[in-house]
Amino acid sequence: MNILSAIIERIDRSKNIVLTAHKSPDGDSIGSSMAMYQYLKTLDKKVLVCHPDPCPNYLTWVENVDEILNYEEQAEQVAKALSEAELIFALDYNHPSRIGDMTPLLADSKEKLVMIDHHLNPADFVSLAYSKPETCSTAELVYELIHADSRVEMNERIGTPIYLGLLTDSGSFRFNSVVARTHEIVADLLNSGVNHTRIHESVFDQNSINQIRLKSYALNQKLELLHDNQVALISLTEEELNNFNYQKGDTEGLVNTGLSIKGIRMSILLQQKGDAIKMSMRSKKEVYVNQLAADHFDGGGHAYASGGISHDTMENTLNKLRSVVANYL
């Protein structure tokens, strides 16, 4: 029995299913979760989606996203759902620490945990793992699972969140993890009624004026170029974010703007929240940011798209970055 058949068999044996995804949700985690939600609903399963924190504003248009329980605001409901679940999916993360404060709720749940994910170096915390790091998105793997279930026909309701995950985690289909199969899946989604124009507009063309002004400020005032213009560095303090009435998701895509500058091989965005500084890292042309994140900032991810964290001051964190980043060029 292959892995997809084994997962479908586990679904068939389970009535009460919970879907989890990583902290700080993005297009792939929301898309994968909601595509699985729609798929399992067609199989007449009781399904709950439980995330560590709320969905960002730019993704609230996704159908049924208001059904997601988030641990920040509904801790008791999430804990109850996970304790009563017969089957729990870990979507778009490969280590239990990626679900933040929800992590203890998965203790002793290995036998009912199934992972669907595309990140490197998965941890051994699930009973079944559909893990393909070479794939551009978890949504692509969710598509393959649903495609393998002959009882379910692809449709617009399932396909829309899958396309969302594909679109956002592939950098609008420009990353080198995009292959012919990716476009074959897109063709099937479009043939099933998915409106790709509406999805793109919903993700990228709904900026608030504060969001535009924040990004303009970041690029005009906070962009720093290092090492013969090979590294783009943008840092935003909590005060600066608050000056523009920052909402979760307002800096989405900003790190990729840095990477789009001619000659840039690595782009890093730092954002301060409380005593933590979160980092988003992107790279290209044989520069691997996952190693930088893992070596110095308690992070990791994909070779060309990773994240990290610092609990030092912004000034010290920037100085550390400036001193080590050349080693990864």
C-alpha atoms as a PDB file:
ATOM      1  CA  MET A   1       0.000   0.000   0.000  1.00  0.00           C
ATOM      2  CA  ASN A   2       1.465   3.391  -0.991  1.00  0.00           C
ATOM      3  CA  ILE A   3       1.379   6.383   1.323  1.00  0.00           C
ATOM      4  CA  LEU A   4      -1.641   8.035  -0.313  1.00  0.00           C
ATOM      5  CA  SER A   5      -3.688   4.833  -0.081  1.00  0.00           C
ATOM      6  CA  ALA A   6      -2.629   4.432   3.537  1.00  0.00           C
ATOM      7  CA  ILE A   7      -3.777   7.985   4.391  1.00  0.00           C
ATOM      8  CA  ILE A   8      -7.107   7.489   2.612  1.00  0.00           C
ATOM      9  CA  GLU A   9      -7.581   4.233   4.531  1.00  0.00           C
ATOM     10  CA  ARG A  10      -6.954   6.088   7.827  1.00  0.00           C
ATOM     11  CA  ILE A  11      -9.485   8.733   6.795  1.00  0.00           C
ATOM     12  CA  ASP A  12     -12.049   6.029   6.063  1.00  0.00           C
ATOM     13  CA  ARG A  13     -11.591   4.579   9.578  1.00  0.00           C
ATOM     14  CA  SER A  14     -12.033   7.961  11.246  1.00  0.00           C
ATOM     15  CA  LYS A  15     -15.181   9.992  11.726  1.00  0.00           C
ATOM     16  CA  ASN A  16     -13.845  12.856  13.869  1.00  0.00           C
ATOM     17  CA  ILE A  17     -10.891  14.610  12.185  1.00  0.00           C
ATOM     18  CA  VAL A  18      -8.928  17.734  13.142  1.00  0.00           C
ATOM     19  CA  LEU A  19      -6.710  19.726  10.779  1.00  0.00           C
ATOM     20  CA  THR A  20      -3.778  21.690  12.213  1.00  0.00           C
ATOM     21  CA  ALA A  21      -1.259  23.997  10.537  1.00  0.00           C
ATOM     22  CA  HIS A  22       1.692  26.139  11.567  1.00  0.00           C
ATOM     23  CA  LYS A  23       1.781  29.381  13.531  1.00  0.00           C
ATOM     24  CA  SER A  24       1.623  32.634  11.513  1.00  0.00           C
ATOM     25  CA  PRO A  25      -0.633  31.241   8.758  1.00  0.00           C
ATOM     26  CA  ASP A  26       0.137  31.938   5.115  1.00  0.00           C
ATOM     27  CA  GLY A  27      -1.461  31.114   1.782  1.00  0.00           C
ATOM     28  CA  ASP A  28      -0.213  27.532   1.769  1.00  0.00           C
ATOM     29  CA  SER A  29      -1.245  26.658   5.329  1.00  0.00           C
ATOM     30  CA  ILE A  30      -4.693  28.254   4.915  1.00  0.00           C
ATOM     31  CA  GLY A  31      -5.101  26.820   1.421  1.00  0.00           C
ATOM     32  CA  SER A  32      -4.062  23.305   2.440  1.00  0.00           C
ATOM     33  CA  SER A  33      -6.289  23.397   5.520  1.00  0.00           C
ATOM     34  CA  MET A  34      -9.384  24.590   3.706  1.00  0.00           C
ATOM     35  CA  ALA A  35      -8.901  22.257   0.737  1.00  0.00           C
ATOM     36  CA  MET A  36      -8.658  19.324   3.164  1.00  0.00           C
ATOM     37  CA  TYR A  37     -11.700  20.676   5.023  1.00  0.00           C
ATOM     38  CA  GLN A  38     -13.792  20.732   1.835  1.00  0.00           C
ATOM     39  CA  TYR A  39     -12.526  17.298   0.769  1.00  0.00           C
ATOM     40  CA  LEU A  40     -13.319  15.656   4.107  1.00  0.00           C
ATOM     41  CA  LYS A  41     -16.737  17.284   4.212  1.00  0.00           C
ATOM     42  CA  THR A  42     -17.586  15.570   0.919  1.00  0.00           C
ATOM     43  CA  LEU A  43     -16.789  12.271   2.686  1.00  0.00           C
ATOM     44  CA  ASP A  44     -19.267  13.176   5.441  1.00  0.00           C
ATOM     45  CA  LYS A  45     -16.606  13.515   8.115  1.00  0.00           C
ATOM     46  CA  LYS A  46     -16.834  15.714  11.197  1.00  0.00           C
ATOM     47  CA  VAL A  47     -13.993  18.163  10.559  1.00  0.00           C
ATOM     48  CA  LEU A  48     -12.528  20.954  12.681  1.00  0.00           C
ATOM     49  CA  VAL A  49      -9.644  23.219  11.647  1.00  0.00           C
ATOM     50  CA  CYS A  50      -7.478  24.296  14.606  1.00  0.00           C
ATOM     51  CA  HIS A  51      -4.676  26.818  14.099  1.00  0.00           C
ATOM     52  CA  PRO A  52      -2.378  28.447  16.670  1.00  0.00           C
ATOM     53  CA  ASP A  53      -3.368  32.030  15.765  1.00  0.00           C
ATOM     54  CA  PRO A  54      -5.894  33.932  13.629  1.00  0.00           C
ATOM     55  CA  CYS A  55      -5.989  34.045   9.847  1.00  0.00           C
ATOM     56  CA  PRO A  56      -4.409  37.221   8.391  1.00  0.00           C
ATOM     57  CA  ASN A  57      -6.742  39.786   6.842  1.00  0.00           C
ATOM     58  CA  TYR A  58      -5.587  39.178   3.280  1.00  0.00           C
ATOM     59  CA  LEU A  59      -6.867  35.571   3.423  1.00  0.00           C
ATOM     60  CA  THR A  60     -10.237  36.050   5.111  1.00  0.00           C
ATOM     61  CA  TRP A  61     -11.986  35.790   1.724  1.00  0.00           C
ATOM     62  CA  VAL A  62     -11.328  32.024   1.542  1.00  0.00           C
ATOM     63  CA  GLU A  63     -14.561  30.047   1.824  1.00  0.00           C
ATOM     64  CA  ASN A  64     -15.291  28.744   5.345  1.00  0.00           C
ATOM     65  CA  VAL A  65     -12.134  30.313   6.795  1.00  0.00           C
ATOM     66  CA  ASP A  66     -14.369  31.714   9.536  1.00  0.00           C
ATOM     67  CA  GLU A  67     -14.821  28.108  10.718  1.00  0.00           C
ATOM     68  CA  ILE A  68     -11.168  27.929  11.841  1.00  0.00           C
ATOM     69  CA  LEU A  69     -10.660  27.747  15.607  1.00  0.00           C
ATOM     70  CA  ASN A  70      -7.521  29.553  16.741  1.00  0.00           C
ATOM     71  CA  TYR A  71      -5.748  28.758  19.997  1.00  0.00           C
ATOM     72  CA  GLU A  72      -5.043  32.391  20.863  1.00  0.00           C
ATOM     73  CA  GLU A  73      -8.751  33.117  21.214  1.00  0.00           C
ATOM     74  CA  GLN A  74     -10.398  29.690  21.613  1.00  0.00           C
ATOM     75  CA  ALA A  75      -7.919  27.648  23.649  1.00  0.00           C
ATOM     76  CA  GLU A  76     -10.481  25.440  25.414  1.00  0.00           C
ATOM     77  CA  GLN A  77     -12.291  24.549  22.195  1.00  0.00           C
ATOM     78  CA  VAL A  78      -9.031  23.692  20.443  1.00  0.00           C
ATOM     79  CA  ALA A  79      -7.819  21.542  23.344  1.00  0.00           C
ATOM     80  CA  LYS A  80     -11.152  19.691  23.436  1.00  0.00           C
ATOM     81  CA  ALA A  81     -11.128  19.135  19.669  1.00  0.00           C
ATOM     82  CA  LEU A  82      -7.615  17.661  19.691  1.00  0.00           C
ATOM     83  CA  SER A  83      -8.298  15.408  22.677  1.00  0.00           C
ATOM     84  CA  GLU A  84     -11.445  13.989  21.052  1.00  0.00           C
ATOM     85  CA  ALA A  85     -10.057  13.607  17.518  1.00  0.00           C
ATOM     86  CA  GLU A  86      -9.646  10.157  16.021  1.00  0.00           C
ATOM     87  CA  LEU A  87      -7.268  11.522  13.384  1.00  0.00           C
ATOM     88  CA  ILE A  88      -5.167  14.709  13.355  1.00  0.00           C
ATOM     89  CA  PHE A  89      -3.490  16.143  10.258  1.00  0.00           C
ATOM     90  CA  ALA A  90      -0.284  18.174  10.554  1.00  0.00           C
ATOM     91  CA  LEU A  91      -0.428  20.344   7.439  1.00  0.00           C
ATOM     92  CA  ASP A  92       2.467  22.445   6.158  1.00  0.00           C
ATOM     93  CA  TYR A  93       4.759  21.841   9.152  1.00  0.00           C
ATOM     94  CA  ASN A  94       7.200  19.076  10.012  1.00  0.00           C
ATOM     95  CA  HIS A  95       7.988  19.648  13.683  1.00  0.00           C
ATOM     96  CA  PRO A  96       5.513  20.060  16.570  1.00  0.00           C
ATOM     97  CA  SER A  97       7.237  23.236  17.744  1.00  0.00           C
ATOM     98  CA  ARG A  98       5.888  24.983  14.627  1.00  0.00           C
ATOM     99  CA  ILE A  99       2.418  25.157  16.179  1.00  0.00           C
ATOM    100  CA  GLY A 100       3.646  27.256  19.098  1.00  0.00           C
ATOM    101  CA  ASP A 101       1.564  27.082  22.272  1.00  0.00           C
ATOM    102  CA  MET A 102      -0.470  24.208  20.831  1.00  0.00           C
ATOM    103  CA  THR A 103       2.581  21.927  20.883  1.00  0.00           C
ATOM    104  CA  PRO A 104       1.827  20.268  24.277  1.00  0.00           C
ATOM    105  CA  LEU A 105      -1.632  19.315  23.001  1.00  0.00           C
ATOM    106  CA  LEU A 106      -0.022  16.883  20.537  1.00  0.00           C
ATOM    107  CA  ALA A 107       1.932  15.028  23.228  1.00  0.00           C
ATOM    108  CA  ASP A 108       1.162  11.295  23.135  1.00  0.00           C
ATOM    109  CA  SER A 109      -0.821  11.730  19.886  1.00  0.00           C
ATOM    110  CA  LYS A 110       1.681  10.171  17.489  1.00  0.00           C
ATOM    111  CA  GLU A 111      -0.521   7.215  16.567  1.00  0.00           C
ATOM    112  CA  LYS A 112      -3.326   9.470  15.336  1.00  0.00           C
ATOM    113  CA  LEU A 113      -1.117  12.071  13.622  1.00  0.00           C
ATOM    114  CA  VAL A 114      -0.627  12.264   9.852  1.00  0.00           C
ATOM    115  CA  MET A 115       1.753  14.770   8.254  1.00  0.00           C
ATOM    116  CA  ILE A 116       1.361  16.322   4.817  1.00  0.00           C
ATOM    117  CA  ASP A 117       4.259  18.707   4.285  1.00  0.00           C
ATOM    118  CA  HIS A 118       7.034  19.904   1.974  1.00  0.00           C
ATOM    119  CA  HIS A 119       9.696  21.223   4.384  1.00  0.00           C
ATOM    120  CA  LEU A 120      13.172  19.768   4.837  1.00  0.00           C
ATOM    121  CA  ASN A 121      14.160  17.396   7.640  1.00  0.00           C
ATOM    122  CA  PRO A 122      10.808  16.233   9.056  1.00  0.00           C
ATOM    123  CA  ALA A 123      10.728  15.221  12.713  1.00  0.00           C
ATOM    124  CA  ASP A 124       9.496  11.807  13.827  1.00  0.00           C
ATOM    125  CA  PHE A 125       6.239  12.776  15.558  1.00  0.00           C
ATOM    126  CA  VAL A 126       3.566  11.247  13.301  1.00  0.00           C
ATOM    127  CA  SER A 127       2.398   7.753  12.373  1.00  0.00           C
ATOM    128  CA  LEU A 128       2.151   8.497   8.632  1.00  0.00           C
ATOM    129  CA  ALA A 129       4.088  11.126   6.690  1.00  0.00           C
ATOM    130  CA  TYR A 130       3.535  12.311   3.132  1.00  0.00           C
ATOM    131  CA  SER A 131       6.661  14.463   2.971  1.00  0.00           C
ATOM    132  CA  LYS A 132       8.150  15.767  -0.292  1.00  0.00           C
ATOM    133  CA  PRO A 133      10.576  18.684   0.241  1.00  0.00           C
ATOM    134  CA  GLU A 134      11.168  19.004  -3.480  1.00  0.00           C
ATOM    135  CA  THR A 135       7.533  20.052  -3.964  1.00  0.00           C
ATOM    136  CA  CYS A 136       6.708  23.758  -4.159  1.00  0.00           C
ATOM    137  CA  SER A 137       3.789  23.677  -1.712  1.00  0.00           C
ATOM    138  CA  THR A 138       1.851  21.506   0.700  1.00  0.00           C
ATOM    139  CA  ALA A 139      -1.249  22.370  -1.334  1.00  0.00           C
ATOM    140  CA  GLU A 140       0.240  20.392  -4.229  1.00  0.00           C
ATOM    141  CA  LEU A 141       0.500  17.340  -1.978  1.00  0.00           C
ATOM    142  CA  VAL A 142      -3.074  17.833  -0.779  1.00  0.00           C
ATOM    143  CA  TYR A 143      -4.121  17.845  -4.441  1.00  0.00           C
ATOM    144  CA  GLU A 144      -2.314  14.536  -5.018  1.00  0.00           C
ATOM    145  CA  LEU A 145      -4.082  12.978  -2.032  1.00  0.00           C
ATOM    146  CA  ILE A 146      -7.512  14.094  -3.210  1.00  0.00           C
ATOM    147  CA  HIS A 147      -6.690  13.088  -6.794  1.00  0.00           C
ATOM    148  CA  ALA A 148      -5.848   9.586  -5.529  1.00  0.00           C
ATOM    149  CA  ASP A 149      -9.326   9.223  -3.977  1.00  0.00           C
ATOM    150  CA  SER A 150     -11.519   8.056  -6.848  1.00  0.00           C
ATOM    151  CA  ARG A 151     -14.700   8.876  -4.919  1.00  0.00           C
ATOM    152  CA  VAL A 152     -14.077  12.619  -5.062  1.00  0.00           C
ATOM    153  CA  GLU A 153     -14.165  14.787  -8.177  1.00  0.00           C
ATOM    154  CA  MET A 154     -12.152  18.004  -8.178  1.00  0.00           C
ATOM    155  CA  ASN A 155     -14.334  21.103  -8.112  1.00  0.00           C
ATOM    156  CA  GLU A 156     -14.107  24.850  -7.607  1.00  0.00           C
ATOM    157  CA  ARG A 157     -14.754  24.664  -3.867  1.00  0.00           C
ATOM    158  CA  ILE A 158     -11.832  22.274  -3.231  1.00  0.00           C
ATOM    159  CA  GLY A 159      -9.650  23.634  -6.016  1.00  0.00           C
ATOM    160  CA  THR A 160      -9.685  27.307  -5.040  1.00  0.00           C
ATOM    161  CA  PRO A 161      -7.735  26.882  -1.773  1.00  0.00           C
ATOM    162  CA  ILE A 162      -5.364  24.464  -3.511  1.00  0.00           C
ATOM    163  CA  TYR A 163      -4.626  27.100  -6.151  1.00  0.00           C
ATOM    164  CA  LEU A 164      -4.121  29.664  -3.378  1.00  0.00           C
ATOM    165  CA  GLY A 165      -1.433  27.475  -1.786  1.00  0.00           C
ATOM    166  CA  LEU A 166       0.251  26.795  -5.116  1.00  0.00           C
ATOM    167  CA  LEU A 167       0.237  30.470  -6.092  1.00  0.00           C
ATOM    168  CA  THR A 168       1.633  31.884  -2.861  1.00  0.00           C
ATOM    169  CA  ASP A 169       4.220  29.260  -1.937  1.00  0.00           C
ATOM    170  CA  SER A 170       5.669  29.112  -5.445  1.00  0.00           C
ATOM    171  CA  GLY A 171       6.229  32.884  -5.641  1.00  0.00           C
ATOM    172  CA  SER A 172       3.529  33.106  -8.317  1.00  0.00           C
ATOM    173  CA  PHE A 173       5.048  30.049 -10.037  1.00  0.00           C
ATOM    174  CA  ARG A 174       8.562  31.461 -10.363  1.00  0.00           C
ATOM    175  CA  PHE A 175      10.539  29.366  -7.837  1.00  0.00           C
ATOM    176  CA  ASN A 176      12.689  26.515  -9.131  1.00  0.00           C
ATOM    177  CA  SER A 177      10.539  24.009  -7.212  1.00  0.00           C
ATOM    178  CA  VAL A 178       7.840  24.575  -9.849  1.00  0.00           C
ATOM    179  CA  VAL A 179       7.902  21.708 -12.340  1.00  0.00           C
ATOM    180  CA  ALA A 180       5.727  20.417 -15.167  1.00  0.00           C
ATOM    181  CA  ARG A 181       3.510  18.548 -12.705  1.00  0.00           C
ATOM    182  CA  THR A 182       2.732  21.851 -10.941  1.00  0.00           C
ATOM    183  CA  HIS A 183       1.304  23.278 -14.146  1.00  0.00           C
ATOM    184  CA  GLU A 184      -0.573  20.060 -14.903  1.00  0.00           C
ATOM    185  CA  ILE A 185      -2.296  20.451 -11.540  1.00  0.00           C
ATOM    186  CA  VAL A 186      -3.080  24.095 -12.300  1.00  0.00           C
ATOM    187  CA  ALA A 187      -4.630  23.049 -15.624  1.00  0.00           C
ATOM    188  CA  ASP A 188      -6.863  20.540 -13.849  1.00  0.00           C
ATOM    189  CA  LEU A 189      -7.896  23.161 -11.289  1.00  0.00           C
ATOM    190  CA  LEU A 190      -8.814  25.660 -14.013  1.00  0.00           C
ATOM    191  CA  ASN A 191     -10.773  22.980 -15.874  1.00  0.00           C
ATOM    192  CA  SER A 192     -12.675  22.261 -12.662  1.00  0.00           C
ATOM    193  CA  GLY A 193     -13.892  25.854 -12.457  1.00  0.00           C
ATOM    194  CA  VAL A 194     -11.250  27.621 -10.375  1.00  0.00           C
ATOM    195  CA  ASN A 195     -11.117  31.363 -11.138  1.00  0.00           C
ATOM    196  CA  HIS A 196      -7.389  32.141 -10.984  1.00  0.00           C
ATOM    197  CA  THR A 197      -7.883  35.844 -11.709  1.00  0.00           C
ATOM    198  CA  ARG A 198     -10.185  36.295  -8.716  1.00  0.00           C
ATOM    199  CA  ILE A 199      -7.736  34.467  -6.431  1.00  0.00           C
ATOM    200  CA  HIS A 200      -4.792  36.606  -7.557  1.00  0.00           C
ATOM    201  CA  GLU A 201      -6.783  39.797  -7.060  1.00  0.00           C
ATOM    202  CA  SER A 202      -7.985  38.659  -3.628  1.00  0.00           C
ATOM    203  CA  VAL A 203      -4.413  37.985  -2.478  1.00  0.00           C
ATOM    204  CA  PHE A 204      -2.434  40.785  -4.100  1.00  0.00           C
ATOM    205  CA  ASP A 205      -4.844  43.610  -4.958  1.00  0.00           C
ATOM    206  CA  GLN A 206      -6.519  44.343  -1.618  1.00  0.00           C
ATOM    207  CA  ASN A 207      -3.883  46.560  -0.002  1.00  0.00           C
ATOM    208  CA  SER A 208      -4.953  49.183   2.524  1.00  0.00           C
ATOM    209  CA  ILE A 209      -3.473  52.678   2.284  1.00  0.00           C
ATOM    210  CA  ASN A 210      -1.574  52.031   5.552  1.00  0.00           C
ATOM    211  CA  GLN A 211      -0.118  48.867   4.038  1.00  0.00           C
ATOM    212  CA  ILE A 212       1.083  50.718   0.936  1.00  0.00           C
ATOM    213  CA  ARG A 213       2.575  53.482   3.061  1.00  0.00           C
ATOM    214  CA  LEU A 214       4.322  50.973   5.341  1.00  0.00           C
ATOM    215  CA  LYS A 215       5.915  49.169   2.398  1.00  0.00           C
ATOM    216  CA  SER A 216       6.909  52.493   0.833  1.00  0.00           C
ATOM    217  CA  TYR A 217       8.519  53.592   4.089  1.00  0.00           C
ATOM    218  CA  ALA A 218      10.349  50.277   4.444  1.00  0.00           C
ATOM    219  CA  LEU A 219      11.800  50.492   0.927  1.00  0.00           C
ATOM    220  CA  ASN A 220      12.583  54.203   1.023  1.00  0.00           C
ATOM    221  CA  GLN A 221      13.898  54.557   4.580  1.00  0.00           C
ATOM    222  CA  LYS A 222      14.892  51.115   5.865  1.00  0.00           C
ATOM    223  CA  LEU A 223      16.360  49.246   2.896  1.00  0.00           C
ATOM    224  CA  GLU A 224      20.077  48.533   3.294  1.00  0.00           C
ATOM    225  CA  LEU A 225      22.269  46.936   0.638  1.00  0.00           C
ATOM    226  CA  LEU A 226      25.331  44.935   1.693  1.00  0.00           C
ATOM    227  CA  HIS A 227      28.305  43.183   0.117  1.00  0.00           C
ATOM    228  CA  ASP A 228      28.454  44.853  -3.292  1.00  0.00           C
ATOM    229  CA  ASN A 229      24.655  45.010  -3.498  1.00  0.00           C
ATOM    230  CA  GLN A 230      24.201  41.259  -3.129  1.00  0.00           C
ATOM    231  CA  VAL A 231      22.184  41.391   0.112  1.00  0.00           C
ATOM    232  CA  ALA A 232      19.022  43.414   0.783  1.00  0.00           C
ATOM    233  CA  LEU A 233      18.210  44.038   4.435  1.00  0.00           C
ATOM    234  CA  ILE A 234      15.007  45.651   5.760  1.00  0.00           C
ATOM    235  CA  SER A 235      14.350  46.108   9.488  1.00  0.00           C
ATOM    236  CA  LEU A 236      11.133  47.354  11.088  1.00  0.00           C
ATOM    237  CA  THR A 237      10.816  48.019  14.812  1.00  0.00           C
ATOM    238  CA  GLU A 238       7.555  47.547  16.661  1.00  0.00           C
ATOM    239  CA  GLU A 239       7.201  51.321  16.916  1.00  0.00           C
ATOM    240  CA  GLU A 240       7.623  51.733  13.172  1.00  0.00           C
ATOM    241  CA  LEU A 241       5.030  49.038  12.475  1.00  0.00           C
ATOM    242  CA  ASN A 242       2.578  50.638  14.886  1.00  0.00           C
ATOM    243  CA  ASN A 243       3.059  54.016  13.194  1.00  0.00           C
ATOM    244  CA  PHE A 244       1.322  52.506  10.170  1.00  0.00           C
ATOM    245  CA  ASN A 245      -1.384  50.680  12.147  1.00  0.00           C
ATOM    246  CA  TYR A 246       0.232  47.345  11.249  1.00  0.00           C
ATOM    247  CA  GLN A 247      -2.078  44.364  10.788  1.00  0.00           C
ATOM    248  CA  LYS A 248      -0.933  40.768  10.361  1.00  0.00           C
ATOM    249  CA  GLY A 249      -0.088  40.221   6.690  1.00  0.00           C
ATOM    250  CA  ASP A 250       0.670  43.877   5.890  1.00  0.00           C
ATOM    251  CA  THR A 251       4.313  43.121   5.023  1.00  0.00           C
ATOM    252  CA  GLU A 252       3.488  40.028   2.966  1.00  0.00           C
ATOM    253  CA  GLY A 253       5.742  39.946  -0.100  1.00  0.00           C
ATOM    254  CA  LEU A 254       8.067  42.698   1.117  1.00  0.00           C
ATOM    255  CA  VAL A 255      11.042  40.355   1.453  1.00  0.00           C
ATOM    256  CA  ASN A 256      10.516  39.255  -2.155  1.00  0.00           C
ATOM    257  CA  THR A 257      10.618  42.898  -3.274  1.00  0.00           C
ATOM    258  CA  GLY A 258      14.142  43.085  -1.878  1.00  0.00           C
ATOM    259  CA  LEU A 259      15.070  39.953  -3.782  1.00  0.00           C
ATOM    260  CA  SER A 260      13.733  41.470  -7.015  1.00  0.00           C
ATOM    261  CA  ILE A 261      16.468  44.146  -7.080  1.00  0.00           C
ATOM    262  CA  LYS A 262      19.004  43.549  -9.833  1.00  0.00           C
ATOM    263  CA  GLY A 263      22.090  41.761  -8.510  1.00  0.00           C
ATOM    264  CA  ILE A 264      20.553  40.799  -5.149  1.00  0.00           C
ATOM    265  CA  ARG A 265      21.146  37.182  -4.133  1.00  0.00           C
ATOM    266  CA  MET A 266      19.705  37.306  -0.610  1.00  0.00           C
ATOM    267  CA  SER A 267      16.922  39.363   0.986  1.00  0.00           C
ATOM    268  CA  ILE A 268      16.123  39.506   4.713  1.00  0.00           C
ATOM    269  CA  LEU A 269      13.194  41.199   6.455  1.00  0.00           C
ATOM    270  CA  LEU A 270      13.274  41.741  10.229  1.00  0.00           C
ATOM    271  CA  GLN A 271      10.135  42.643  12.194  1.00  0.00           C
ATOM    272  CA  GLN A 272      10.035  43.292  15.913  1.00  0.00           C
ATOM    273  CA  LYS A 273       7.150  42.191  18.120  1.00  0.00           C
ATOM    274  CA  GLY A 274       7.637  42.429  21.854  1.00  0.00           C
ATOM    275  CA  ASP A 275      10.955  40.866  22.814  1.00  0.00           C
ATOM    276  CA  ALA A 276      11.241  38.861  19.591  1.00  0.00           C
ATOM    277  CA  ILE A 277      12.490  39.767  16.135  1.00  0.00           C
ATOM    278  CA  LYS A 278      11.083  37.573  13.385  1.00  0.00           C
ATOM    279  CA  MET A 279      13.083  37.159  10.191  1.00  0.00           C
ATOM    280  CA  SER A 280      11.974  36.186   6.712  1.00  0.00           C
ATOM    281  CA  MET A 281      14.771  35.190   4.348  1.00  0.00           C
ATOM    282  CA  ARG A 282      14.776  34.634   0.596  1.00  0.00           C
ATOM    283  CA  SER A 283      17.617  33.832  -1.792  1.00  0.00           C
ATOM    284  CA  LYS A 284      18.566  32.601  -5.254  1.00  0.00           C
ATOM    285  CA  LYS A 285      21.537  31.503  -7.349  1.00  0.00           C
ATOM    286  CA  GLU A 286      23.105  28.875  -5.070  1.00  0.00           C
ATOM    287  CA  VAL A 287      22.718  30.998  -1.910  1.00  0.00           C
ATOM    288  CA  TYR A 288      20.956  28.921   0.754  1.00  0.00           C
ATOM    289  CA  VAL A 289      19.268  30.911   3.502  1.00  0.00           C
ATOM    290  CA  ASN A 290      18.069  27.848   5.418  1.00  0.00           C
ATOM    291  CA  GLN A 291      21.651  27.280   6.564  1.00  0.00           C
ATOM    292  CA  LEU A 292      22.024  30.887   7.722  1.00  0.00           C
ATOM    293  CA  ALA A 293      18.748  30.660   9.637  1.00  0.00           C
ATOM    294  CA  ALA A 294      19.675  27.349  11.262  1.00  0.00           C
ATOM    295  CA  ASP A 295      23.230  28.320  12.178  1.00  0.00           C
ATOM    296  CA  HIS A 296      22.496  31.666  13.808  1.00  0.00           C
ATOM    297  CA  PHE A 297      18.786  32.355  14.323  1.00  0.00           C
ATOM    298  CA  ASP A 298      17.113  29.182  15.578  1.00  0.00           C
ATOM    299  CA  GLY A 299      15.321  28.765  12.279  1.00  0.00           C
ATOM    300  CA  GLY A 300      15.276  26.924   9.002  1.00  0.00           C
ATOM    301  CA  GLY A 301      12.942  26.049   6.164  1.00  0.00           C
ATOM    302  CA  HIS A 302      13.533  25.740   2.443  1.00  0.00           C
ATOM    303  CA  ALA A 303      16.885  26.323   0.800  1.00  0.00           C
ATOM    304  CA  TYR A 304      15.667  29.559  -0.814  1.00  0.00           C
ATOM    305  CA  ALA A 305      12.896  30.546   1.628  1.00  0.00           C
ATOM    306  CA  SER A 306      13.419  30.339   5.377  1.00  0.00           C
ATOM    307  CA  GLY A 307      12.696  32.056   8.658  1.00  0.00           C
ATOM    308  CA  GLY A 308      14.456  32.725  11.929  1.00  0.00           C
ATOM    309  CA  ILE A 309      14.058  34.502  15.243  1.00  0.00           C
ATOM    310  CA  SER A 310      16.185  36.635  17.551  1.00  0.00           C
ATOM    311  CA  HIS A 311      15.542  37.620  21.157  1.00  0.00           C
ATOM    312  CA  ASP A 312      18.294  40.239  21.169  1.00  0.00           C
ATOM    313  CA  THR A 313      17.870  43.949  20.422  1.00  0.00           C
ATOM    314  CA  MET A 314      17.279  45.080  16.861  1.00  0.00           C
ATOM    315  CA  GLU A 315      20.682  46.813  16.804  1.00  0.00           C
ATOM    316  CA  ASN A 316      22.538  43.702  17.994  1.00  0.00           C
ATOM    317  CA  THR A 317      20.598  41.450  15.651  1.00  0.00           C
ATOM    318  CA  LEU A 318      21.415  43.643  12.664  1.00  0.00           C
ATOM    319  CA  ASN A 319      25.079  43.769  13.646  1.00  0.00           C
ATOM    320  CA  LYS A 320      25.156  39.986  13.902  1.00  0.00           C
ATOM    321  CA  LEU A 321      23.557  39.630  10.478  1.00  0.00           C
ATOM    322  CA  ARG A 322      26.018  42.043   8.918  1.00  0.00           C
ATOM    323  CA  SER A 323      28.953  40.110  10.400  1.00  0.00           C
ATOM    324  CA  VAL A 324      27.880  36.605   9.308  1.00  0.00           C
ATOM    325  CA  VAL A 325      25.890  37.027   6.122  1.00  0.00           C
ATOM    326  CA  ALA A 326      28.937  37.148   3.814  1.00  0.00           C
ATOM    327  CA  ASN A 327      29.785  33.569   4.819  1.00  0.00           C
ATOM    328  CA  TYR A 328      26.641  32.391   3.004  1.00  0.00           C
ATOM    329  CA  LEU A 329      27.242  34.132  -0.321  1.00  0.00           C
END
